[in-house]
Amino acid sequence: MEIVMAIVIGVLFMSATYLMLSKSLLRIIIGTGLLSHGAHLLILTMGGLKRGTVPLLGEEASAYTDPIPQALILTAIVISFGVTAFFLVLAYRAFKELGTDNTERLRGNEGND
């Protein structure tokens, strides 16, 4: 299962890098979202894909799962949601003000010699 997860993580990182290198702001935002999802899967895979019960003190079980990677991923999901929302608002405002989402045209170098 770890091999499949590694391939999926690689594909997510590859597509995120491709999208982030484009000139459209919307593609850059989608690329950052894919990059964060790839990082979440990487943390989950590095924590180990084990089956077990929840780590409660009163329960007696032969195997427990580690809650630290899941807590880190939950925190990262909340942070990436906030950053993505900020990027979307920023891109919408830039599009409304300038009429384009192309990063080459957003520089404003056309009239300055």
C-alpha atoms as a PDB file:
ATOM      1  CA  MET A   1       0.000   0.000   0.000  1.00  0.00           C
ATOM      2  CA  GLU A   2       2.918   2.346   0.679  1.00  0.00           C
ATOM      3  CA  ILE A   3       4.075   1.975  -2.944  1.00  0.00           C
ATOM      4  CA  VAL A   4       0.677   3.089  -4.253  1.00  0.00           C
ATOM      5  CA  MET A   5       0.672   6.031  -1.857  1.00  0.00           C
ATOM      6  CA  ALA A   6       4.194   7.004  -2.954  1.00  0.00           C
ATOM      7  CA  ILE A   7       3.100   6.987  -6.603  1.00  0.00           C
ATOM      8  CA  VAL A   8       0.018   9.078  -5.815  1.00  0.00           C
ATOM      9  CA  ILE A   9       2.141  11.543  -3.825  1.00  0.00           C
ATOM     10  CA  GLY A  10       4.600  11.806  -6.712  1.00  0.00           C
ATOM     11  CA  VAL A  11       1.803  12.456  -9.203  1.00  0.00           C
ATOM     12  CA  LEU A  12       0.302  15.129  -6.927  1.00  0.00           C
ATOM     13  CA  PHE A  13       3.671  16.862  -6.494  1.00  0.00           C
ATOM     14  CA  MET A  14       4.354  16.652 -10.239  1.00  0.00           C
ATOM     15  CA  SER A  15       0.996  18.152 -11.223  1.00  0.00           C
ATOM     16  CA  ALA A  16       1.247  20.807  -8.499  1.00  0.00           C
ATOM     17  CA  THR A  17       4.667  21.883  -9.736  1.00  0.00           C
ATOM     18  CA  TYR A  18       3.422  22.035 -13.325  1.00  0.00           C
ATOM     19  CA  LEU A  19       0.389  24.123 -12.345  1.00  0.00           C
ATOM     20  CA  MET A  20       2.380  26.474 -10.116  1.00  0.00           C
ATOM     21  CA  LEU A  21       4.803  27.257 -12.943  1.00  0.00           C
ATOM     22  CA  SER A  22       2.002  28.475 -15.233  1.00  0.00           C
ATOM     23  CA  LYS A  23       1.032  32.120 -15.716  1.00  0.00           C
ATOM     24  CA  SER A  24      -2.602  31.918 -14.637  1.00  0.00           C
ATOM     25  CA  LEU A  25      -3.436  32.779 -11.029  1.00  0.00           C
ATOM     26  CA  LEU A  26      -6.206  30.186 -10.873  1.00  0.00           C
ATOM     27  CA  ARG A  27      -3.814  27.430 -11.939  1.00  0.00           C
ATOM     28  CA  ILE A  28      -1.310  28.589  -9.328  1.00  0.00           C
ATOM     29  CA  ILE A  29      -4.000  28.388  -6.631  1.00  0.00           C
ATOM     30  CA  ILE A  30      -5.041  24.891  -7.750  1.00  0.00           C
ATOM     31  CA  GLY A  31      -1.359  23.900  -7.762  1.00  0.00           C
ATOM     32  CA  THR A  32      -0.884  25.041  -4.165  1.00  0.00           C
ATOM     33  CA  GLY A  33      -3.964  23.036  -3.177  1.00  0.00           C
ATOM     34  CA  LEU A  34      -2.599  19.914  -4.851  1.00  0.00           C
ATOM     35  CA  LEU A  35       0.782  20.481  -3.220  1.00  0.00           C
ATOM     36  CA  SER A  36      -0.809  20.675   0.217  1.00  0.00           C
ATOM     37  CA  HIS A  37      -2.808  17.479  -0.430  1.00  0.00           C
ATOM     38  CA  GLY A  38       0.399  15.739  -1.498  1.00  0.00           C
ATOM     39  CA  ALA A  39       2.091  16.905   1.707  1.00  0.00           C
ATOM     40  CA  HIS A  40      -0.830  15.578   3.772  1.00  0.00           C
ATOM     41  CA  LEU A  41      -0.562  12.180   2.131  1.00  0.00           C
ATOM     42  CA  LEU A  42       3.212  12.222   2.617  1.00  0.00           C
ATOM     43  CA  ILE A  43       2.849  12.863   6.351  1.00  0.00           C
ATOM     44  CA  LEU A  44       0.235  10.116   6.618  1.00  0.00           C
ATOM     45  CA  THR A  45       2.402   7.626   4.716  1.00  0.00           C
ATOM     46  CA  MET A  46       5.530   8.455   6.699  1.00  0.00           C
ATOM     47  CA  GLY A  47       3.560   7.938   9.914  1.00  0.00           C
ATOM     48  CA  GLY A  48       2.811   4.399   8.788  1.00  0.00           C
ATOM     49  CA  LEU A  49      -0.335   2.850   7.407  1.00  0.00           C
ATOM     50  CA  LYS A  50      -1.074   0.569  10.345  1.00  0.00           C
ATOM     51  CA  ARG A  51      -4.328  -0.877  11.469  1.00  0.00           C
ATOM     52  CA  GLY A  52      -5.181  -0.774  15.099  1.00  0.00           C
ATOM     53  CA  THR A  53      -7.508   0.656  17.663  1.00  0.00           C
ATOM     54  CA  VAL A  54      -7.660   4.176  19.001  1.00  0.00           C
ATOM     55  CA  PRO A  55      -5.012   5.021  21.614  1.00  0.00           C
ATOM     56  CA  LEU A  56      -7.203   5.237  24.737  1.00  0.00           C
ATOM     57  CA  LEU A  57      -5.822   4.364  28.152  1.00  0.00           C
ATOM     58  CA  GLY A  58      -8.789   2.276  29.308  1.00  0.00           C
ATOM     59  CA  GLU A  59      -8.766  -0.030  26.272  1.00  0.00           C
ATOM     60  CA  GLU A  60      -6.562  -3.079  26.108  1.00  0.00           C
ATOM     61  CA  ALA A  61      -5.514  -3.826  22.520  1.00  0.00           C
ATOM     62  CA  SER A  62      -2.626  -5.530  20.803  1.00  0.00           C
ATOM     63  CA  ALA A  63      -1.950  -2.636  18.386  1.00  0.00           C
ATOM     64  CA  TYR A  64      -2.569   1.076  18.527  1.00  0.00           C
ATOM     65  CA  THR A  65      -2.441   3.693  15.791  1.00  0.00           C
ATOM     66  CA  ASP A  66      -0.253   6.749  16.172  1.00  0.00           C
ATOM     67  CA  PRO A  67      -2.417   9.889  16.531  1.00  0.00           C
ATOM     68  CA  ILE A  68       0.383  12.415  15.895  1.00  0.00           C
ATOM     69  CA  PRO A  69       0.377  12.252  12.046  1.00  0.00           C
ATOM     70  CA  GLN A  70      -3.403  12.528  12.015  1.00  0.00           C
ATOM     71  CA  ALA A  71      -3.305  15.582  14.289  1.00  0.00           C
ATOM     72  CA  LEU A  72      -0.615  17.194  12.122  1.00  0.00           C
ATOM     73  CA  ILE A  73      -2.635  16.559   8.979  1.00  0.00           C
ATOM     74  CA  LEU A  74      -5.801  17.981  10.532  1.00  0.00           C
ATOM     75  CA  THR A  75      -3.925  21.149  11.482  1.00  0.00           C
ATOM     76  CA  ALA A  76      -2.379  21.381   8.015  1.00  0.00           C
ATOM     77  CA  ILE A  77      -5.798  20.977   6.366  1.00  0.00           C
ATOM     78  CA  VAL A  78      -7.188  23.906   8.350  1.00  0.00           C
ATOM     79  CA  ILE A  79      -4.175  26.079   7.526  1.00  0.00           C
ATOM     80  CA  SER A  80      -4.240  25.172   3.820  1.00  0.00           C
ATOM     81  CA  PHE A  81      -7.977  25.946   3.689  1.00  0.00           C
ATOM     82  CA  GLY A  82      -7.314  29.411   5.100  1.00  0.00           C
ATOM     83  CA  VAL A  83      -4.422  30.056   2.727  1.00  0.00           C
ATOM     84  CA  THR A  84      -6.441  28.859  -0.271  1.00  0.00           C
ATOM     85  CA  ALA A  85      -9.356  31.102   0.693  1.00  0.00           C
ATOM     86  CA  PHE A  86      -6.967  34.053   0.982  1.00  0.00           C
ATOM     87  CA  PHE A  87      -5.415  33.264  -2.415  1.00  0.00           C
ATOM     88  CA  LEU A  88      -8.867  33.047  -4.028  1.00  0.00           C
ATOM     89  CA  VAL A  89      -9.938  36.403  -2.607  1.00  0.00           C
ATOM     90  CA  LEU A  90      -6.645  37.977  -3.663  1.00  0.00           C
ATOM     91  CA  ALA A  91      -6.937  36.586  -7.196  1.00  0.00           C
ATOM     92  CA  TYR A  92     -10.575  37.708  -7.467  1.00  0.00           C
ATOM     93  CA  ARG A  93      -9.667  41.213  -6.341  1.00  0.00           C
ATOM     94  CA  ALA A  94      -6.732  41.369  -8.772  1.00  0.00           C
ATOM     95  CA  PHE A  95      -8.963  40.178 -11.606  1.00  0.00           C
ATOM     96  CA  LYS A  96     -11.640  42.769 -10.772  1.00  0.00           C
ATOM     97  CA  GLU A  97      -9.104  45.600 -10.577  1.00  0.00           C
ATOM     98  CA  LEU A  98      -6.897  44.710 -13.545  1.00  0.00           C
ATOM     99  CA  GLY A  99      -9.149  42.586 -15.736  1.00  0.00           C
ATOM    100  CA  THR A 100      -6.700  39.692 -16.128  1.00  0.00           C
ATOM    101  CA  ASP A 101      -5.289  36.763 -14.188  1.00  0.00           C
ATOM    102  CA  ASN A 102      -2.115  36.472 -16.253  1.00  0.00           C
ATOM    103  CA  THR A 103       0.908  37.081 -14.021  1.00  0.00           C
ATOM    104  CA  GLU A 104       2.882  38.653 -16.869  1.00  0.00           C
ATOM    105  CA  ARG A 105       0.237  41.363 -17.257  1.00  0.00           C
ATOM    106  CA  LEU A 106      -0.121  41.854 -13.496  1.00  0.00           C
ATOM    107  CA  ARG A 107       3.439  43.179 -13.190  1.00  0.00           C
ATOM    108  CA  GLY A 108       2.552  46.615 -14.542  1.00  0.00           C
ATOM    109  CA  ASN A 109       5.788  47.096 -16.477  1.00  0.00           C
ATOM    110  CA  GLU A 110       4.128  48.028 -19.771  1.00  0.00           C
ATOM    111  CA  GLY A 111       4.121  51.812 -19.254  1.00  0.00           C
ATOM    112  CA  ASN A 112       7.404  52.085 -17.323  1.00  0.00           C
ATOM    113  CA  ASP A 113      10.512  52.426 -19.461  1.00  0.00           C
END
